[in-house]
Amino acid sequence: MKPLIGLVVCCLLSVACLGQTKGEIEWGEEFNSNGGTLVLKEAGRSRASGQTVVTYNLLVSGLPKDVEYTLWMRLVGGNPQAVANAFIDKDGLVVNARPDTAHNVAEDPVNLKVVAGRGEPKQFAVIANDSHYRVFGHVVPFPIEKIGGPCSVSATMAGPNYSGVSIVVRGLQSKEEFQIGQRSGSEAARTRATAAEDGTYRTLVFPFVKGQFSGKLKFDVTAKACAVGVEVPWGQGSYVIQ
């Protein structure tokens, strides 16, 4: 597992990665095989060279276990990269090698060690080599989220240096109308929006301002039962590994 761990950490530090690419992958959990899921389960955190290294195990359900797979990863703003061969054991754990007692080969779980910035999603996929089965999953090791009353607002990096920011509001009343406030650099606006039936609201914000190299996005909501907002730096110097 050491080569895999080293490759993953290296790749996550840069969009340039030496893994095999597959630009035609339709990426996202909406493309999971019917009934399939991929969950990244945190296994621990440690400090190395002033950075927090987070370890994850991968658990797959709903896919056949007698199939050869490849583990893929995708950086924000980059193309999918093949990381390692993968198999699914009897408990759904993604492993790098199946046990072979005849040849003294032990099961080798895939232990992903990653570093990340605030609000940065780590995106992975387990895809059958014949492309018949696939699952996608992601995790945000250092979420940007604020809670106010029954509501919460989270911000996830959707472009390098937060050139795009995915905003999700939860806890609103079904289909209620509420106010949104946005400020980025020298630009500001207030608008009205409507929650979805499940009380959520999702939007993609592009905070960069012409003529400005960096700034801070402030996004807030004012609803019937809550008022809450988040702040996200963008531009030069905004991305900092935690």
C-alpha atoms as a PDB file:
ATOM      1  CA  MET A   1       0.000   0.000   0.000  1.00  0.00           C
ATOM      2  CA  LYS A   2       2.892   2.458   0.385  1.00  0.00           C
ATOM      3  CA  PRO A   3       3.179   3.209  -3.370  1.00  0.00           C
ATOM      4  CA  LEU A   4      -0.569   3.885  -3.541  1.00  0.00           C
ATOM      5  CA  ILE A   5      -0.489   6.165  -0.506  1.00  0.00           C
ATOM      6  CA  GLY A   6       2.431   8.121  -1.921  1.00  0.00           C
ATOM      7  CA  LEU A   7       0.779   8.513  -5.302  1.00  0.00           C
ATOM      8  CA  VAL A   8      -2.504   9.709  -3.840  1.00  0.00           C
ATOM      9  CA  VAL A   9      -0.895  12.335  -1.613  1.00  0.00           C
ATOM     10  CA  CYS A  10       1.299  13.515  -4.496  1.00  0.00           C
ATOM     11  CA  CYS A  11      -1.626  13.729  -6.899  1.00  0.00           C
ATOM     12  CA  LEU A  12      -3.766  15.633  -4.443  1.00  0.00           C
ATOM     13  CA  LEU A  13      -1.151  18.351  -4.223  1.00  0.00           C
ATOM     14  CA  SER A  14      -1.258  19.132  -7.931  1.00  0.00           C
ATOM     15  CA  VAL A  15      -3.457  18.780 -10.982  1.00  0.00           C
ATOM     16  CA  ALA A  16      -0.444  17.338 -12.785  1.00  0.00           C
ATOM     17  CA  CYS A  17      -0.379  13.635 -11.951  1.00  0.00           C
ATOM     18  CA  LEU A  18       1.278  10.706 -13.692  1.00  0.00           C
ATOM     19  CA  GLY A  19      -1.726   8.359 -13.494  1.00  0.00           C
ATOM     20  CA  GLN A  20      -3.606   7.128 -16.534  1.00  0.00           C
ATOM     21  CA  THR A  21      -6.364   9.539 -17.563  1.00  0.00           C
ATOM     22  CA  LYS A  22      -9.847   8.750 -18.805  1.00  0.00           C
ATOM     23  CA  GLY A  23     -11.479  11.987 -19.861  1.00  0.00           C
ATOM     24  CA  GLU A  24     -14.654  10.313 -21.140  1.00  0.00           C
ATOM     25  CA  ILE A  25     -15.859   9.207 -17.698  1.00  0.00           C
ATOM     26  CA  GLU A  26     -19.255  10.655 -16.843  1.00  0.00           C
ATOM     27  CA  TRP A  27     -18.350  11.649 -13.313  1.00  0.00           C
ATOM     28  CA  GLY A  28     -20.643  11.929 -10.317  1.00  0.00           C
ATOM     29  CA  GLU A  29     -22.802   9.946  -7.924  1.00  0.00           C
ATOM     30  CA  GLU A  30     -25.763  10.344 -10.270  1.00  0.00           C
ATOM     31  CA  PHE A  31     -23.922   7.891 -12.557  1.00  0.00           C
ATOM     32  CA  ASN A  32     -23.617   5.146  -9.911  1.00  0.00           C
ATOM     33  CA  SER A  33     -24.670   1.679 -11.036  1.00  0.00           C
ATOM     34  CA  ASN A  34     -28.178   0.862  -9.877  1.00  0.00           C
ATOM     35  CA  GLY A  35     -28.085   0.221  -6.123  1.00  0.00           C
ATOM     36  CA  GLY A  36     -24.336   0.920  -5.851  1.00  0.00           C
ATOM     37  CA  THR A  37     -22.710   3.241  -3.310  1.00  0.00           C
ATOM     38  CA  LEU A  38     -19.162   4.276  -2.383  1.00  0.00           C
ATOM     39  CA  VAL A  39     -18.512   5.544   1.146  1.00  0.00           C
ATOM     40  CA  LEU A  40     -15.221   7.016   2.353  1.00  0.00           C
ATOM     41  CA  LYS A  41     -14.835   6.192   6.046  1.00  0.00           C
ATOM     42  CA  GLU A  42     -12.313   8.233   7.987  1.00  0.00           C
ATOM     43  CA  ALA A  43      -9.760   6.044   9.767  1.00  0.00           C
ATOM     44  CA  GLY A  44      -7.542   8.660  11.410  1.00  0.00           C
ATOM     45  CA  ARG A  45      -5.658  11.942  11.213  1.00  0.00           C
ATOM     46  CA  SER A  46      -1.999  12.747  11.733  1.00  0.00           C
ATOM     47  CA  ARG A  47       0.375  15.655  11.224  1.00  0.00           C
ATOM     48  CA  ALA A  48       3.283  15.521   8.774  1.00  0.00           C
ATOM     49  CA  SER A  49       5.437  18.442   7.619  1.00  0.00           C
ATOM     50  CA  GLY A  50       2.984  20.886   9.127  1.00  0.00           C
ATOM     51  CA  GLN A  51       0.003  19.419   7.282  1.00  0.00           C
ATOM     52  CA  THR A  52      -2.904  17.244   8.398  1.00  0.00           C
ATOM     53  CA  VAL A  53      -2.955  13.856   6.660  1.00  0.00           C
ATOM     54  CA  VAL A  54      -6.368  12.180   6.714  1.00  0.00           C
ATOM     55  CA  THR A  55      -6.716   8.424   6.157  1.00  0.00           C
ATOM     56  CA  TYR A  56      -9.811   6.879   4.587  1.00  0.00           C
ATOM     57  CA  ASN A  57     -11.043   3.361   3.919  1.00  0.00           C
ATOM     58  CA  LEU A  58     -13.357   2.806   0.977  1.00  0.00           C
ATOM     59  CA  LEU A  59     -16.532   0.749   1.336  1.00  0.00           C
ATOM     60  CA  VAL A  60     -18.614  -0.323  -1.661  1.00  0.00           C
ATOM     61  CA  SER A  61     -22.082  -1.824  -1.645  1.00  0.00           C
ATOM     62  CA  GLY A  62     -24.310  -3.017  -4.456  1.00  0.00           C
ATOM     63  CA  LEU A  63     -21.567  -4.126  -6.890  1.00  0.00           C
ATOM     64  CA  PRO A  64     -20.415  -7.690  -7.690  1.00  0.00           C
ATOM     65  CA  LYS A  65     -17.289  -8.851  -5.861  1.00  0.00           C
ATOM     66  CA  ASP A  66     -15.940 -11.205  -8.535  1.00  0.00           C
ATOM     67  CA  VAL A  67     -14.984  -8.361 -10.884  1.00  0.00           C
ATOM     68  CA  GLU A  68     -11.676  -6.528 -11.374  1.00  0.00           C
ATOM     69  CA  TYR A  69     -11.908  -2.786 -10.792  1.00  0.00           C
ATOM     70  CA  THR A  70      -9.753   0.335 -10.996  1.00  0.00           C
ATOM     71  CA  LEU A  71      -9.681   3.062  -8.346  1.00  0.00           C
ATOM     72  CA  TRP A  72      -9.965   6.525  -9.889  1.00  0.00           C
ATOM     73  CA  MET A  73      -9.588   9.981  -8.406  1.00  0.00           C
ATOM     74  CA  ARG A  74     -10.413  13.439  -9.651  1.00  0.00           C
ATOM     75  CA  LEU A  75      -9.056  16.785  -8.490  1.00  0.00           C
ATOM     76  CA  VAL A  76     -11.155  19.929  -8.608  1.00  0.00           C
ATOM     77  CA  GLY A  77     -10.681  21.324 -12.105  1.00  0.00           C
ATOM     78  CA  GLY A  78      -8.825  18.222 -13.346  1.00  0.00           C
ATOM     79  CA  ASN A  79      -9.518  15.056 -15.328  1.00  0.00           C
ATOM     80  CA  PRO A  80     -10.009  11.621 -13.723  1.00  0.00           C
ATOM     81  CA  GLN A  81      -6.785   9.758 -12.925  1.00  0.00           C
ATOM     82  CA  ALA A  82      -6.341   5.994 -12.480  1.00  0.00           C
ATOM     83  CA  VAL A  83      -4.716   5.385  -9.096  1.00  0.00           C
ATOM     84  CA  ALA A  84      -4.569   1.602  -8.564  1.00  0.00           C
ATOM     85  CA  ASN A  85      -6.040  -1.797  -9.311  1.00  0.00           C
ATOM     86  CA  ALA A  86      -8.901  -2.560  -6.933  1.00  0.00           C
ATOM     87  CA  PHE A  87     -11.057  -5.428  -5.731  1.00  0.00           C
ATOM     88  CA  ILE A  88     -14.035  -5.600  -3.373  1.00  0.00           C
ATOM     89  CA  ASP A  89     -13.790  -8.079  -0.495  1.00  0.00           C
ATOM     90  CA  LYS A  90     -16.656  -9.992   1.095  1.00  0.00           C
ATOM     91  CA  ASP A  91     -17.393  -7.135   3.503  1.00  0.00           C
ATOM     92  CA  GLY A  92     -17.413  -4.469   0.784  1.00  0.00           C
ATOM     93  CA  LEU A  93     -13.970  -3.117   1.664  1.00  0.00           C
ATOM     94  CA  VAL A  94     -11.948  -1.938  -1.337  1.00  0.00           C
ATOM     95  CA  VAL A  95      -8.624  -3.774  -1.384  1.00  0.00           C
ATOM     96  CA  ASN A  96      -5.519  -3.603  -3.534  1.00  0.00           C
ATOM     97  CA  ALA A  97      -4.940  -7.383  -3.471  1.00  0.00           C
ATOM     98  CA  ARG A  98      -7.045 -10.422  -2.714  1.00  0.00           C
ATOM     99  CA  PRO A  99      -5.728 -12.930  -0.159  1.00  0.00           C
ATOM    100  CA  ASP A 100      -3.841 -15.886  -1.621  1.00  0.00           C
ATOM    101  CA  THR A 101      -2.720 -18.234   1.145  1.00  0.00           C
ATOM    102  CA  ALA A 102      -1.019 -20.559  -1.334  1.00  0.00           C
ATOM    103  CA  HIS A 103       1.390 -17.772  -2.273  1.00  0.00           C
ATOM    104  CA  ASN A 104       1.569 -16.039   1.134  1.00  0.00           C
ATOM    105  CA  VAL A 105      -0.351 -12.996  -0.123  1.00  0.00           C
ATOM    106  CA  ALA A 106      -2.475 -11.221   2.486  1.00  0.00           C
ATOM    107  CA  GLU A 107      -5.464  -9.013   1.782  1.00  0.00           C
ATOM    108  CA  ASP A 108      -4.240  -5.455   1.263  1.00  0.00           C
ATOM    109  CA  PRO A 109      -6.883  -2.790   2.051  1.00  0.00           C
ATOM    110  CA  VAL A 110      -6.720   0.493   0.192  1.00  0.00           C
ATOM    111  CA  ASN A 111      -5.869   3.122   2.805  1.00  0.00           C
ATOM    112  CA  LEU A 112      -6.104   6.530   1.191  1.00  0.00           C
ATOM    113  CA  LYS A 113      -4.000   9.252   2.800  1.00  0.00           C
ATOM    114  CA  VAL A 114      -4.936  12.724   1.613  1.00  0.00           C
ATOM    115  CA  VAL A 115      -4.265  16.374   2.351  1.00  0.00           C
ATOM    116  CA  ALA A 116      -6.738  19.107   1.539  1.00  0.00           C
ATOM    117  CA  GLY A 117      -7.677  22.763   1.760  1.00  0.00           C
ATOM    118  CA  ARG A 118     -10.792  24.115   3.441  1.00  0.00           C
ATOM    119  CA  GLY A 119     -13.940  23.142   1.575  1.00  0.00           C
ATOM    120  CA  GLU A 120     -12.002  20.999  -0.914  1.00  0.00           C
ATOM    121  CA  PRO A 121     -13.806  17.816  -1.986  1.00  0.00           C
ATOM    122  CA  LYS A 122     -11.844  14.602  -2.500  1.00  0.00           C
ATOM    123  CA  GLN A 123     -13.538  12.679  -5.281  1.00  0.00           C
ATOM    124  CA  PHE A 124     -13.061   8.977  -6.000  1.00  0.00           C
ATOM    125  CA  ALA A 125     -14.594   6.240  -8.130  1.00  0.00           C
ATOM    126  CA  VAL A 126     -14.397   2.464  -8.306  1.00  0.00           C
ATOM    127  CA  ILE A 127     -15.041   1.397 -11.899  1.00  0.00           C
ATOM    128  CA  ALA A 128     -15.028  -2.108 -13.371  1.00  0.00           C
ATOM    129  CA  ASN A 129     -12.339  -2.583 -15.996  1.00  0.00           C
ATOM    130  CA  ASP A 130     -15.043  -3.501 -18.508  1.00  0.00           C
ATOM    131  CA  SER A 131     -16.974  -0.340 -17.459  1.00  0.00           C
ATOM    132  CA  HIS A 132     -20.125  -2.346 -16.629  1.00  0.00           C
ATOM    133  CA  TYR A 133     -20.163  -1.301 -12.962  1.00  0.00           C
ATOM    134  CA  ARG A 134     -19.214   1.949 -11.286  1.00  0.00           C
ATOM    135  CA  VAL A 135     -19.677   3.919  -8.084  1.00  0.00           C
ATOM    136  CA  PHE A 136     -18.600   7.433  -7.166  1.00  0.00           C
ATOM    137  CA  GLY A 137     -18.111   9.076  -3.804  1.00  0.00           C
ATOM    138  CA  HIS A 138     -16.576  12.157  -2.273  1.00  0.00           C
ATOM    139  CA  VAL A 139     -15.629  13.566   1.088  1.00  0.00           C
ATOM    140  CA  VAL A 140     -14.723  17.048   2.331  1.00  0.00           C
ATOM    141  CA  PRO A 141     -12.034  16.637   5.028  1.00  0.00           C
ATOM    142  CA  PHE A 142     -12.250  20.283   6.169  1.00  0.00           C
ATOM    143  CA  PRO A 143     -15.789  21.510   5.498  1.00  0.00           C
ATOM    144  CA  ILE A 144     -16.768  25.166   5.359  1.00  0.00           C
ATOM    145  CA  GLU A 145     -20.129  25.233   7.119  1.00  0.00           C
ATOM    146  CA  LYS A 146     -22.100  27.460   9.441  1.00  0.00           C
ATOM    147  CA  ILE A 147     -25.241  26.561  11.387  1.00  0.00           C
ATOM    148  CA  GLY A 148     -27.905  29.002  12.496  1.00  0.00           C
ATOM    149  CA  GLY A 149     -31.031  27.664  14.169  1.00  0.00           C
ATOM    150  CA  PRO A 150     -32.504  24.898  11.999  1.00  0.00           C
ATOM    151  CA  CYS A 151     -30.500  25.991   8.936  1.00  0.00           C
ATOM    152  CA  SER A 152     -26.994  25.385   7.702  1.00  0.00           C
ATOM    153  CA  VAL A 153     -24.951  26.776   4.813  1.00  0.00           C
ATOM    154  CA  SER A 154     -21.992  24.871   3.379  1.00  0.00           C
ATOM    155  CA  ALA A 155     -19.500  25.979   0.742  1.00  0.00           C
ATOM    156  CA  THR A 156     -17.459  23.540  -1.347  1.00  0.00           C
ATOM    157  CA  MET A 157     -14.635  24.409  -3.729  1.00  0.00           C
ATOM    158  CA  ALA A 158     -15.791  23.869  -7.326  1.00  0.00           C
ATOM    159  CA  GLY A 159     -12.863  25.477  -9.159  1.00  0.00           C
ATOM    160  CA  PRO A 160      -9.135  26.023  -8.540  1.00  0.00           C
ATOM    161  CA  ASN A 161      -8.483  28.765  -5.978  1.00  0.00           C
ATOM    162  CA  TYR A 162     -12.246  28.839  -5.329  1.00  0.00           C
ATOM    163  CA  SER A 163     -12.972  30.287  -8.768  1.00  0.00           C
ATOM    164  CA  GLY A 164     -16.253  28.402  -8.378  1.00  0.00           C
ATOM    165  CA  VAL A 165     -17.990  27.689  -5.073  1.00  0.00           C
ATOM    166  CA  SER A 166     -20.866  25.273  -4.618  1.00  0.00           C
ATOM    167  CA  ILE A 167     -23.322  26.492  -1.985  1.00  0.00           C
ATOM    168  CA  VAL A 168     -25.853  24.231  -0.257  1.00  0.00           C
ATOM    169  CA  VAL A 169     -28.448  25.516   2.213  1.00  0.00           C
ATOM    170  CA  ARG A 170     -30.335  22.987   4.361  1.00  0.00           C
ATOM    171  CA  GLY A 171     -33.063  23.251   6.970  1.00  0.00           C
ATOM    172  CA  LEU A 172     -35.348  25.698   5.171  1.00  0.00           C
ATOM    173  CA  GLN A 173     -39.081  25.205   5.102  1.00  0.00           C
ATOM    174  CA  SER A 174     -40.462  23.384   2.079  1.00  0.00           C
ATOM    175  CA  LYS A 175     -40.724  25.758  -0.893  1.00  0.00           C
ATOM    176  CA  GLU A 176     -40.346  28.845   1.286  1.00  0.00           C
ATOM    177  CA  GLU A 177     -39.153  32.109  -0.215  1.00  0.00           C
ATOM    178  CA  PHE A 178     -36.075  33.621   1.441  1.00  0.00           C
ATOM    179  CA  GLN A 179     -33.412  36.278   0.920  1.00  0.00           C
ATOM    180  CA  ILE A 180     -29.854  35.745  -0.277  1.00  0.00           C
ATOM    181  CA  GLY A 181     -27.034  38.202   0.277  1.00  0.00           C
ATOM    182  CA  GLN A 182     -23.801  37.976  -1.717  1.00  0.00           C
ATOM    183  CA  ARG A 183     -20.690  40.102  -1.506  1.00  0.00           C
ATOM    184  CA  SER A 184     -17.438  39.442  -3.327  1.00  0.00           C
ATOM    185  CA  GLY A 185     -14.671  41.971  -3.433  1.00  0.00           C
ATOM    186  CA  SER A 186     -16.255  45.289  -4.385  1.00  0.00           C
ATOM    187  CA  GLU A 187     -19.490  43.739  -5.694  1.00  0.00           C
ATOM    188  CA  ALA A 188     -22.634  43.009  -3.673  1.00  0.00           C
ATOM    189  CA  ALA A 189     -26.245  42.040  -4.291  1.00  0.00           C
ATOM    190  CA  ARG A 190     -29.383  40.860  -2.499  1.00  0.00           C
ATOM    191  CA  THR A 191     -31.874  38.588  -4.232  1.00  0.00           C
ATOM    192  CA  ARG A 192     -34.796  36.316  -3.419  1.00  0.00           C
ATOM    193  CA  ALA A 193     -34.883  32.558  -3.922  1.00  0.00           C
ATOM    194  CA  THR A 194     -37.182  29.617  -3.248  1.00  0.00           C
ATOM    195  CA  ALA A 195     -36.283  26.447  -1.367  1.00  0.00           C
ATOM    196  CA  ALA A 196     -36.839  23.026  -2.882  1.00  0.00           C
ATOM    197  CA  GLU A 197     -39.567  20.753  -1.593  1.00  0.00           C
ATOM    198  CA  ASP A 198     -37.088  19.084   0.786  1.00  0.00           C
ATOM    199  CA  GLY A 199     -36.051  22.423   2.304  1.00  0.00           C
ATOM    200  CA  THR A 200     -32.734  22.722   0.494  1.00  0.00           C
ATOM    201  CA  TYR A 201     -31.305  25.296  -1.867  1.00  0.00           C
ATOM    202  CA  ARG A 202     -28.290  24.801  -4.118  1.00  0.00           C
ATOM    203  CA  THR A 203     -26.394  27.244  -6.265  1.00  0.00           C
ATOM    204  CA  LEU A 204     -22.988  27.673  -7.909  1.00  0.00           C
ATOM    205  CA  VAL A 205     -21.247  30.993  -7.299  1.00  0.00           C
ATOM    206  CA  PHE A 206     -18.334  32.413  -9.327  1.00  0.00           C
ATOM    207  CA  PRO A 207     -16.830  34.984  -6.944  1.00  0.00           C
ATOM    208  CA  PHE A 208     -13.928  36.339  -9.024  1.00  0.00           C
ATOM    209  CA  VAL A 209     -14.190  40.076  -9.700  1.00  0.00           C
ATOM    210  CA  LYS A 210     -12.681  41.708 -12.777  1.00  0.00           C
ATOM    211  CA  GLY A 211      -9.484  43.571 -11.965  1.00  0.00           C
ATOM    212  CA  GLN A 212      -9.096  41.956  -8.538  1.00  0.00           C
ATOM    213  CA  PHE A 213      -6.626  39.161  -7.844  1.00  0.00           C
ATOM    214  CA  SER A 214      -8.116  37.980  -4.575  1.00  0.00           C
ATOM    215  CA  GLY A 215     -10.981  38.628  -2.232  1.00  0.00           C
ATOM    216  CA  LYS A 216     -13.568  37.068   0.012  1.00  0.00           C
ATOM    217  CA  LEU A 217     -17.003  35.720  -0.866  1.00  0.00           C
ATOM    218  CA  LYS A 218     -19.676  36.349   1.758  1.00  0.00           C
ATOM    219  CA  PHE A 219     -22.911  34.407   1.242  1.00  0.00           C
ATOM    220  CA  ASP A 220     -25.816  34.598   3.666  1.00  0.00           C
ATOM    221  CA  VAL A 221     -29.465  33.596   3.813  1.00  0.00           C
ATOM    222  CA  THR A 222     -32.319  35.137   5.782  1.00  0.00           C
ATOM    223  CA  ALA A 223     -35.337  32.869   6.091  1.00  0.00           C
ATOM    224  CA  LYS A 224     -38.428  32.578   8.278  1.00  0.00           C
ATOM    225  CA  ALA A 225     -36.692  30.607  11.019  1.00  0.00           C
ATOM    226  CA  CYS A 226     -33.004  31.383  10.532  1.00  0.00           C
ATOM    227  CA  ALA A 227     -30.267  33.711   9.369  1.00  0.00           C
ATOM    228  CA  VAL A 228     -26.844  32.273   8.623  1.00  0.00           C
ATOM    229  CA  GLY A 229     -23.904  32.766   6.254  1.00  0.00           C
ATOM    230  CA  VAL A 230     -20.404  31.651   5.297  1.00  0.00           C
ATOM    231  CA  GLU A 231     -17.213  33.324   4.093  1.00  0.00           C
ATOM    232  CA  VAL A 232     -14.823  31.873   1.512  1.00  0.00           C
ATOM    233  CA  PRO A 233     -11.524  33.437   0.388  1.00  0.00           C
ATOM    234  CA  TRP A 234     -10.769  33.283  -3.345  1.00  0.00           C
ATOM    235  CA  GLY A 235      -7.959  34.041  -5.766  1.00  0.00           C
ATOM    236  CA  GLN A 236      -4.242  34.283  -5.131  1.00  0.00           C
ATOM    237  CA  GLY A 237      -3.189  32.731  -1.830  1.00  0.00           C
ATOM    238  CA  SER A 238      -6.671  31.454  -0.993  1.00  0.00           C
ATOM    239  CA  TYR A 239      -5.897  27.737  -1.228  1.00  0.00           C
ATOM    240  CA  VAL A 240      -4.022  26.563   1.867  1.00  0.00           C
ATOM    241  CA  ILE A 241      -3.501  22.923   2.805  1.00  0.00           C
ATOM    242  CA  GLN A 242      -4.638  22.420   6.388  1.00  0.00           C
END
